[in-house]
Amino acid sequence: MSTDTTLRQTPFHSFHAEHGAKLVDYTGWDMPLHYGSILDEHRQVRTSGGMFDVSHMGRLRFSGRDARRFLDHVCTRKINGMKQGQIRYSLVCNEHGGCKDDVLVYGIGESEFLMVCNAANREKLLEHFGAVKGDMVFKLKDETDSTAMVAIQGPKVMELIGQFSKEIPSLKRYRFTNKSILIAKFLVSRTGYTGEDGVEVILPKMIAKQMIKMLLGNVDADDTAVKPCGLGARDSLRLEAGMALYGHEITEDIDPLTACLDFAIKLDKGDDDEGTGRFIGQDALQAIAAAGGPSQKLTGLILDGRRVARQGMSVTQDGTQVGTITSGCWSPTLEKSIAMAIVDVAAREAGTALEVDLGRATAVASTTLLPFYKA
């Protein structure tokens, strides 16, 4: 167990320690890697339900006259016209089209929005937003330290939540609602990062401990529908679901077109008459698209055998390197070694035979469409 007091702690830190979590340094936060077995936690989410502490993620609130206009300037998705209660997945890009981060933008009101970003990129984004603000007038409040956030994911989660609320299970994907317990208000969204149904909850820090007791009940019982899970299972779950992870499938040097995140980019943004501005990096991404698209794209790989591919390993075809592994793991659901890689477009067709250089050995692999798993 980590004892480094210099690491930041979430409001659920005492819960993790009391329940035997293996705590590790994750982007400067003392976070649970697992509570026992990563495989068991992975299967728990796929078959029933798991709860993840994701309080380390950044939560930034934008409000004021130019809040919407500013977010349209920095986000690849169209923010103008978002309805209250709607959420949009978007990228924040640099001038060259590379990704500074991937984010969720919540439409709180006509001139108020919440952005959830990756923990490792929060300070970078705050600095970036200050640099590109220009003369736009809005208030930016970092609510990361005053709030907590949990993700509750799995096929039995909505049934369980239905016992407390009839409204939440009726939410559509990428929608949210606000609820109250006594005097405390919290936000519940039908979003997640596991490939399963479920919700994410943002709540005041002061009620975090009470909330976790209510959500998990008798957590040590064998038949508990929702159990706590750590970062290890969260990574293998998102990989099976084919979801990009910052620092792997997207980086400052990897653009979202290469990462096959076309759905999260509005390349003609600003071409309408609604006053929506263009976004930073739009010129670069338009140039890539006009040239026929990127020369390499993300693909899924299934490897022969049990060896696991790691980020940075070379992908070859007939002895010539055609790509690089971005993420890899043993899939508990498929019981196969899976990976995501960015490869030459010509080598990306489903079923193409490739090889992965594992160092002392080479594994035969075949390309496959993403995601590997779909609930």
Protein backbone atom coordinates (compact mmCIF):
# COMPACT_ATOMS: atom_id res chain seq x y z
CA MET A 1 0.00 0.00 0.00
CA SER A 2 1.28 3.43 -0.91
CA THR A 3 2.26 5.68 2.02
CA ASP A 4 3.53 8.61 0.00
CA THR A 5 1.78 11.58 1.61
CA THR A 6 2.80 13.84 -1.26
CA LEU A 7 0.24 12.13 -3.51
CA ARG A 8 -3.19 13.69 -3.81
CA GLN A 9 -6.05 11.75 -2.24
CA THR A 10 -9.65 11.50 -3.40
CA PRO A 11 -12.55 11.79 -0.93
CA PHE A 12 -12.82 7.98 -1.06
CA HIS A 13 -9.22 7.33 -0.04
CA SER A 14 -10.08 5.99 3.42
CA PHE A 15 -12.57 3.56 1.85
CA HIS A 16 -9.87 2.22 -0.49
CA ALA A 17 -7.44 1.73 2.40
CA GLU A 18 -10.03 0.07 4.65
CA HIS A 19 -10.97 -2.42 1.94
CA GLY A 20 -7.42 -3.51 1.15
CA ALA A 21 -6.89 -1.74 -2.14
CA LYS A 22 -3.47 -1.84 -3.76
CA LEU A 23 -2.79 1.89 -4.01
CA VAL A 24 -0.48 3.28 -6.70
CA ASP A 25 0.69 6.65 -7.96
CA TYR A 26 -1.49 7.53 -10.94
CA THR A 27 -0.79 10.98 -12.38
CA GLY A 28 0.03 12.26 -8.90
CA TRP A 29 -3.00 10.71 -7.19
CA ASP A 30 -3.00 7.79 -4.73
CA MET A 31 -5.43 5.53 -6.59
CA PRO A 32 -6.61 1.89 -6.25
CA LEU A 33 -5.10 -0.41 -8.86
CA HIS A 34 -7.19 -3.33 -7.59
CA TYR A 35 -8.75 -4.67 -4.40
CA GLY A 36 -7.87 -8.31 -5.06
CA SER A 37 -7.87 -9.73 -8.57
CA ILE A 38 -8.00 -7.52 -11.66
CA LEU A 39 -9.54 -10.43 -13.58
CA ASP A 40 -12.27 -10.86 -10.97
CA GLU A 41 -13.03 -7.14 -11.00
CA HIS A 42 -13.17 -7.12 -14.79
CA ARG A 43 -15.63 -10.04 -14.81
CA GLN A 44 -17.65 -8.41 -12.02
CA VAL A 45 -18.32 -5.42 -14.28
CA ARG A 46 -19.13 -7.55 -17.31
CA THR A 47 -21.58 -9.78 -15.41
CA SER A 48 -23.02 -7.56 -12.67
CA GLY A 49 -21.61 -4.19 -11.64
CA GLY A 50 -18.52 -2.34 -10.48
CA MET A 51 -17.88 1.05 -8.94
CA PHE A 52 -14.79 3.07 -9.85
CA ASP A 53 -13.44 6.10 -8.04
CA VAL A 54 -12.73 8.57 -10.85
CA SER A 55 -12.44 11.65 -8.64
CA HIS A 56 -8.95 12.27 -10.00
CA MET A 57 -10.44 13.43 -13.30
CA GLY A 58 -10.67 17.18 -13.79
CA ARG A 59 -14.02 18.98 -13.48
CA LEU A 60 -14.04 22.49 -14.94
CA ARG A 61 -17.10 24.76 -14.96
CA PHE A 62 -17.48 27.47 -17.62
CA SER A 63 -20.12 30.17 -17.20
CA GLY A 64 -20.87 33.62 -18.51
CA ARG A 65 -21.51 35.56 -21.69
CA ASP A 66 -18.87 33.91 -23.90
CA ALA A 67 -18.67 30.46 -22.28
CA ARG A 68 -20.33 28.72 -25.21
CA ARG A 69 -18.34 30.68 -27.80
CA PHE A 70 -15.08 29.86 -26.05
CA LEU A 71 -15.84 26.13 -25.88
CA ASP A 72 -16.67 26.15 -29.59
CA HIS A 73 -13.23 27.68 -30.11
CA VAL A 74 -11.36 24.92 -28.26
CA CYS A 75 -13.58 21.85 -28.83
CA THR A 76 -13.87 19.81 -32.03
CA ARG A 77 -17.59 19.16 -31.48
CA LYS A 78 -20.26 21.80 -31.90
CA ILE A 79 -21.21 23.27 -28.52
CA ASN A 80 -23.59 25.87 -29.91
CA GLY A 81 -27.09 24.41 -29.80
CA MET A 82 -26.43 21.87 -27.06
CA LYS A 83 -29.55 21.30 -24.99
CA GLN A 84 -29.68 21.39 -21.23
CA GLY A 85 -28.97 17.89 -19.94
CA GLN A 86 -26.97 16.90 -23.05
CA ILE A 87 -23.36 15.69 -23.07
CA ARG A 88 -20.92 15.67 -25.96
CA TYR A 89 -17.63 13.82 -26.25
CA SER A 90 -15.05 16.09 -27.86
CA LEU A 91 -11.34 16.63 -28.42
CA VAL A 92 -9.27 19.65 -27.52
CA CYS A 93 -6.62 19.99 -30.21
CA ASN A 94 -3.42 21.93 -30.78
CA GLU A 95 -2.76 24.00 -33.89
CA HIS A 96 -1.35 20.96 -35.70
CA GLY A 97 -4.45 18.85 -35.07
CA GLY A 98 -2.87 16.74 -32.34
CA CYS A 99 -4.89 16.03 -29.21
CA LYS A 100 -4.33 17.96 -26.02
CA ASP A 101 -7.07 15.86 -24.40
CA ASP A 102 -10.41 14.18 -24.91
CA VAL A 103 -13.22 15.59 -22.79
CA LEU A 104 -16.91 15.40 -22.00
CA VAL A 105 -18.85 18.67 -22.17
CA TYR A 106 -22.10 18.88 -20.17
CA GLY A 107 -24.75 21.42 -21.15
CA ILE A 108 -25.81 22.88 -17.79
CA GLY A 109 -27.57 25.91 -19.28
CA GLU A 110 -27.44 28.27 -22.23
CA SER A 111 -24.30 29.94 -20.89
CA GLU A 112 -23.03 27.34 -18.41
CA PHE A 113 -21.11 24.14 -19.13
CA LEU A 114 -19.13 21.53 -17.24
CA MET A 115 -16.06 19.86 -18.75
CA VAL A 116 -14.64 16.57 -17.48
CA CYS A 117 -11.05 16.02 -18.56
CA ASN A 118 -8.22 13.59 -17.87
CA ALA A 119 -6.34 14.00 -14.61
CA ALA A 120 -2.94 14.20 -16.29
CA ASN A 121 -4.11 17.02 -18.58
CA ARG A 122 -6.09 19.26 -16.22
CA GLU A 123 -3.30 21.75 -15.49
CA LYS A 124 -2.19 21.71 -19.13
CA LEU A 125 -5.72 22.54 -20.27
CA LEU A 126 -6.09 25.33 -17.71
CA GLU A 127 -2.88 26.90 -19.01
CA HIS A 128 -4.00 26.42 -22.62
CA PHE A 129 -7.42 27.94 -22.00
CA GLY A 130 -5.83 30.98 -20.39
CA ALA A 131 -3.51 31.42 -23.37
CA VAL A 132 -6.27 31.27 -26.02
CA LYS A 133 -9.02 33.11 -24.13
CA GLY A 134 -8.44 36.38 -25.95
CA ASP A 135 -11.11 38.98 -25.23
CA MET A 136 -13.87 36.47 -24.50
CA VAL A 137 -15.66 37.01 -21.20
CA PHE A 138 -16.51 33.99 -19.05
CA LYS A 139 -15.72 32.47 -15.67
CA LEU A 140 -13.71 29.27 -15.38
CA LYS A 141 -13.90 27.47 -12.03
CA ASP A 142 -11.87 24.35 -11.26
CA GLU A 143 -14.21 22.18 -9.17
CA THR A 144 -11.95 19.12 -9.01
CA ASP A 145 -11.05 19.52 -5.34
CA SER A 146 -14.54 20.45 -4.13
CA THR A 147 -16.28 17.49 -5.74
CA ALA A 148 -15.97 13.72 -6.08
CA MET A 149 -16.82 11.45 -9.00
CA VAL A 150 -17.66 7.77 -9.31
CA ALA A 151 -18.48 5.52 -12.26
CA ILE A 152 -20.94 2.67 -11.64
CA GLN A 153 -20.90 0.26 -14.57
CA GLY A 154 -22.38 -3.12 -15.43
CA PRO A 155 -25.50 -4.91 -16.76
CA LYS A 156 -27.27 -4.91 -13.37
CA VAL A 157 -26.53 -1.29 -12.48
CA MET A 158 -29.63 0.37 -13.97
CA GLU A 159 -31.90 -2.19 -12.34
CA LEU A 160 -30.30 -1.42 -9.00
CA ILE A 161 -30.55 2.35 -9.50
CA GLY A 162 -34.20 1.90 -10.47
CA GLN A 163 -34.92 0.99 -6.87
CA PHE A 164 -33.99 4.54 -5.85
CA SER A 165 -35.02 6.55 -8.91
CA LYS A 166 -37.37 6.01 -11.83
CA GLU A 167 -35.90 8.94 -13.75
CA ILE A 168 -32.27 7.85 -14.01
CA PRO A 169 -32.87 4.50 -15.80
CA SER A 170 -34.93 6.38 -18.40
CA LEU A 171 -32.02 8.66 -19.31
CA LYS A 172 -30.70 8.27 -22.83
CA ARG A 173 -27.00 7.74 -23.44
CA TYR A 174 -24.99 10.96 -23.08
CA ARG A 175 -27.71 12.68 -21.08
CA PHE A 176 -27.64 13.75 -17.43
CA THR A 177 -29.94 14.87 -14.67
CA ASN A 178 -29.53 16.62 -11.32
CA LYS A 179 -30.72 14.98 -8.10
CA SER A 180 -30.69 15.91 -4.42
CA ILE A 181 -30.12 14.16 -1.12
CA LEU A 182 -31.16 16.42 1.75
CA ILE A 183 -29.41 19.71 0.92
CA ALA A 184 -26.73 18.21 -1.34
CA LYS A 185 -27.13 18.27 -5.11
CA PHE A 186 -25.36 15.84 -7.44
CA LEU A 187 -25.22 15.13 -11.15
CA VAL A 188 -25.93 11.71 -12.68
CA SER A 189 -25.01 11.00 -16.30
CA ARG A 190 -25.54 7.94 -18.47
CA THR A 191 -21.93 7.73 -19.52
CA GLY A 192 -19.00 5.42 -18.89
CA TYR A 193 -15.68 4.04 -20.02
CA THR A 194 -16.18 0.27 -19.87
CA GLY A 195 -18.44 -0.69 -22.75
CA GLU A 196 -21.21 -1.53 -20.28
CA ASP A 197 -24.34 0.39 -19.37
CA GLY A 198 -24.21 2.49 -16.24
CA VAL A 199 -23.80 5.97 -14.85
CA GLU A 200 -21.22 8.44 -13.66
CA VAL A 201 -22.00 10.59 -10.62
CA ILE A 202 -20.48 13.95 -9.69
CA LEU A 203 -21.21 14.93 -6.11
CA PRO A 204 -20.07 17.35 -3.43
CA LYS A 205 -16.97 16.22 -1.57
CA MET A 206 -18.75 16.55 1.77
CA ILE A 207 -21.22 13.72 1.07
CA ALA A 208 -18.79 11.34 -0.66
CA LYS A 209 -18.49 8.90 2.24
CA GLN A 210 -22.25 8.70 2.78
CA MET A 211 -22.83 8.20 -0.94
CA ILE A 212 -20.42 5.29 -1.24
CA LYS A 213 -22.08 3.50 1.67
CA MET A 214 -25.48 3.93 0.05
CA LEU A 215 -24.25 2.75 -3.35
CA LEU A 216 -22.32 -0.30 -2.21
CA GLY A 217 -24.30 -1.39 0.84
CA ASN A 218 -22.73 -4.54 2.31
CA VAL A 219 -19.74 -4.49 0.00
CA ASP A 220 -18.17 -7.61 1.49
CA ALA A 221 -21.17 -9.86 0.82
CA ASP A 222 -20.66 -12.45 -1.93
CA ASP A 223 -23.94 -11.57 -3.64
CA THR A 224 -23.39 -7.80 -3.73
CA ALA A 225 -24.42 -6.59 -7.18
CA VAL A 226 -21.88 -3.75 -7.29
CA LYS A 227 -18.34 -4.10 -5.95
CA PRO A 228 -15.44 -1.63 -5.90
CA CYS A 229 -12.99 -1.94 -8.79
CA GLY A 230 -9.62 -0.39 -9.56
CA LEU A 231 -7.70 1.15 -12.43
CA GLY A 232 -6.46 -2.22 -13.69
CA ALA A 233 -9.93 -3.48 -14.59
CA ARG A 234 -10.93 -0.07 -15.91
CA ASP A 235 -8.11 -0.25 -18.45
CA SER A 236 -8.84 -3.79 -19.66
CA LEU A 237 -12.57 -3.00 -19.88
CA ARG A 238 -12.05 0.14 -21.98
CA LEU A 239 -9.59 -1.71 -24.23
CA GLU A 240 -12.12 -4.48 -24.92
CA ALA A 241 -14.62 -1.71 -25.72
CA GLY A 242 -12.15 -0.15 -28.18
CA MET A 243 -12.06 3.20 -26.36
CA ALA A 244 -9.12 5.55 -26.81
CA LEU A 245 -6.91 6.37 -23.83
CA TYR A 246 -4.98 9.63 -23.73
CA GLY A 247 -1.25 9.01 -23.97
CA HIS A 248 -1.86 5.85 -25.98
CA GLU A 249 -4.34 6.13 -28.87
CA ILE A 250 -4.37 9.95 -28.78
CA THR A 251 -1.53 12.32 -27.94
CA GLU A 252 -0.27 15.76 -28.91
CA ASP A 253 1.28 14.03 -31.93
CA ILE A 254 -1.63 11.71 -32.81
CA ASP A 255 -4.61 13.46 -34.38
CA PRO A 256 -8.20 12.25 -33.88
CA LEU A 257 -8.61 11.25 -37.54
CA THR A 258 -5.73 8.79 -37.15
CA ALA A 259 -7.38 7.55 -33.95
CA CYS A 260 -10.68 7.00 -35.85
CA LEU A 261 -12.54 9.55 -33.73
CA ASP A 262 -14.14 11.19 -36.77
CA PHE A 263 -17.54 11.19 -35.03
CA ALA A 264 -16.17 13.66 -32.48
CA ILE A 265 -14.99 16.20 -35.07
CA LYS A 266 -17.10 18.71 -36.99
CA LEU A 267 -14.76 19.51 -39.84
CA ASP A 268 -17.09 22.16 -41.31
CA LYS A 269 -17.55 23.96 -38.01
CA GLY A 270 -18.05 27.68 -38.50
CA ASP A 271 -19.35 27.31 -42.06
CA ASP A 272 -22.98 27.89 -40.99
CA ASP A 273 -24.65 31.18 -40.20
CA GLU A 274 -25.32 30.42 -36.53
CA GLY A 275 -22.29 32.27 -35.21
CA THR A 276 -20.37 29.11 -34.37
CA GLY A 277 -16.63 29.72 -34.62
CA ARG A 278 -13.93 27.45 -35.94
CA PHE A 279 -11.90 25.38 -33.50
CA ILE A 280 -8.17 25.33 -32.88
CA GLY A 281 -6.61 22.67 -35.10
CA GLN A 282 -9.48 22.69 -37.61
CA ASP A 283 -7.31 23.90 -40.50
CA ALA A 284 -4.81 21.08 -39.91
CA LEU A 285 -7.50 18.40 -39.71
CA GLN A 286 -9.24 19.73 -42.82
CA ALA A 287 -5.92 19.52 -44.68
CA ILE A 288 -5.48 15.88 -43.62
CA ALA A 289 -9.01 15.03 -44.75
CA ALA A 290 -8.56 16.90 -48.07
CA ALA A 291 -5.42 14.88 -48.78
CA GLY A 292 -7.44 11.66 -48.60
CA GLY A 293 -7.17 11.09 -44.86
CA PRO A 294 -4.29 10.02 -42.64
CA SER A 295 -1.76 7.50 -43.94
CA GLN A 296 -2.17 5.43 -40.77
CA LYS A 297 -5.23 4.60 -38.68
CA LEU A 298 -6.15 2.80 -35.50
CA THR A 299 -7.10 -0.86 -35.74
CA GLY A 300 -7.72 -3.80 -33.46
CA LEU A 301 -5.38 -6.80 -33.31
CA ILE A 302 -5.93 -10.31 -32.01
CA LEU A 303 -2.66 -12.07 -31.23
CA ASP A 304 -1.98 -15.78 -31.32
CA GLY A 305 -0.99 -17.25 -27.97
CA ARG A 306 -1.07 -15.68 -24.53
CA ARG A 307 1.74 -13.12 -24.83
CA VAL A 308 0.54 -9.52 -24.41
CA ALA A 309 1.57 -6.67 -26.70
CA ARG A 310 2.73 -3.46 -25.01
CA GLN A 311 2.66 0.16 -26.09
CA GLY A 312 5.49 1.02 -28.47
CA MET A 313 6.03 -2.48 -29.86
CA SER A 314 6.46 -2.67 -33.62
CA VAL A 315 3.84 -4.13 -35.94
CA THR A 316 5.26 -5.63 -39.14
CA GLN A 317 4.04 -7.18 -42.37
CA ASP A 318 6.41 -9.45 -44.27
CA GLY A 319 9.33 -8.05 -42.31
CA THR A 320 8.50 -4.37 -42.88
CA GLN A 321 7.23 -2.18 -40.07
CA VAL A 322 3.71 -0.94 -40.81
CA GLY A 323 2.65 0.34 -37.39
CA THR A 324 3.01 0.56 -33.64
CA ILE A 325 1.08 -0.89 -30.70
CA THR A 326 -0.78 1.73 -28.65
CA SER A 327 -2.40 -0.55 -26.01
CA GLY A 328 -2.57 -4.26 -25.27
CA CYS A 329 -3.85 -6.72 -22.67
CA TRP A 330 -5.15 -10.21 -22.08
CA SER A 331 -8.92 -10.03 -22.64
CA PRO A 332 -10.76 -11.81 -19.80
CA THR A 333 -13.99 -11.72 -21.81
CA LEU A 334 -12.63 -13.08 -25.10
CA GLU A 335 -9.85 -15.09 -23.45
CA LYS A 336 -7.47 -13.82 -26.11
CA SER A 337 -4.55 -11.44 -26.32
CA ILE A 338 -5.84 -8.20 -27.83
CA ALA A 339 -4.26 -4.90 -28.76
CA MET A 340 -4.90 -1.63 -30.51
CA ALA A 341 -2.34 -0.33 -32.97
CA ILE A 342 -1.89 2.50 -35.43
CA VAL A 343 -0.95 0.93 -38.75
CA ASP A 344 -0.66 1.83 -42.42
CA VAL A 345 -4.09 2.14 -44.00
CA ALA A 346 -3.15 -0.51 -46.58
CA ALA A 347 -2.53 -3.03 -43.78
CA ARG A 348 -5.69 -2.24 -41.84
CA GLU A 349 -8.32 -4.33 -43.65
CA ALA A 350 -10.02 -6.76 -41.25
CA GLY A 351 -8.37 -10.17 -41.29
CA THR A 352 -4.98 -8.97 -42.51
CA ALA A 353 -2.12 -11.08 -41.14
CA LEU A 354 0.53 -9.07 -39.29
CA GLU A 355 3.26 -9.72 -36.74
CA VAL A 356 4.00 -8.04 -33.42
CA ASP A 357 7.61 -7.77 -32.26
CA LEU A 358 7.46 -8.81 -28.59
CA GLY A 359 11.19 -8.44 -28.07
CA ARG A 360 12.51 -11.97 -27.73
CA ALA A 361 9.70 -13.40 -29.81
CA THR A 362 7.26 -12.50 -32.57
CA ALA A 363 3.51 -13.06 -32.34
CA VAL A 364 1.27 -13.58 -35.33
CA ALA A 365 -1.70 -11.23 -35.24
CA SER A 366 -4.74 -10.47 -37.37
CA THR A 367 -6.53 -7.16 -37.71
CA THR A 368 -10.13 -6.87 -36.53
CA LEU A 369 -12.80 -4.21 -36.37
CA LEU A 370 -13.22 -2.30 -33.13
CA PRO A 371 -14.65 -2.70 -30.58
CA PHE A 372 -13.53 -6.17 -29.52
CA TYR A 373 -16.56 -6.38 -27.22
CA LYS A 374 -19.99 -4.79 -27.34
CA ALA A 375 -22.60 -5.24 -24.64
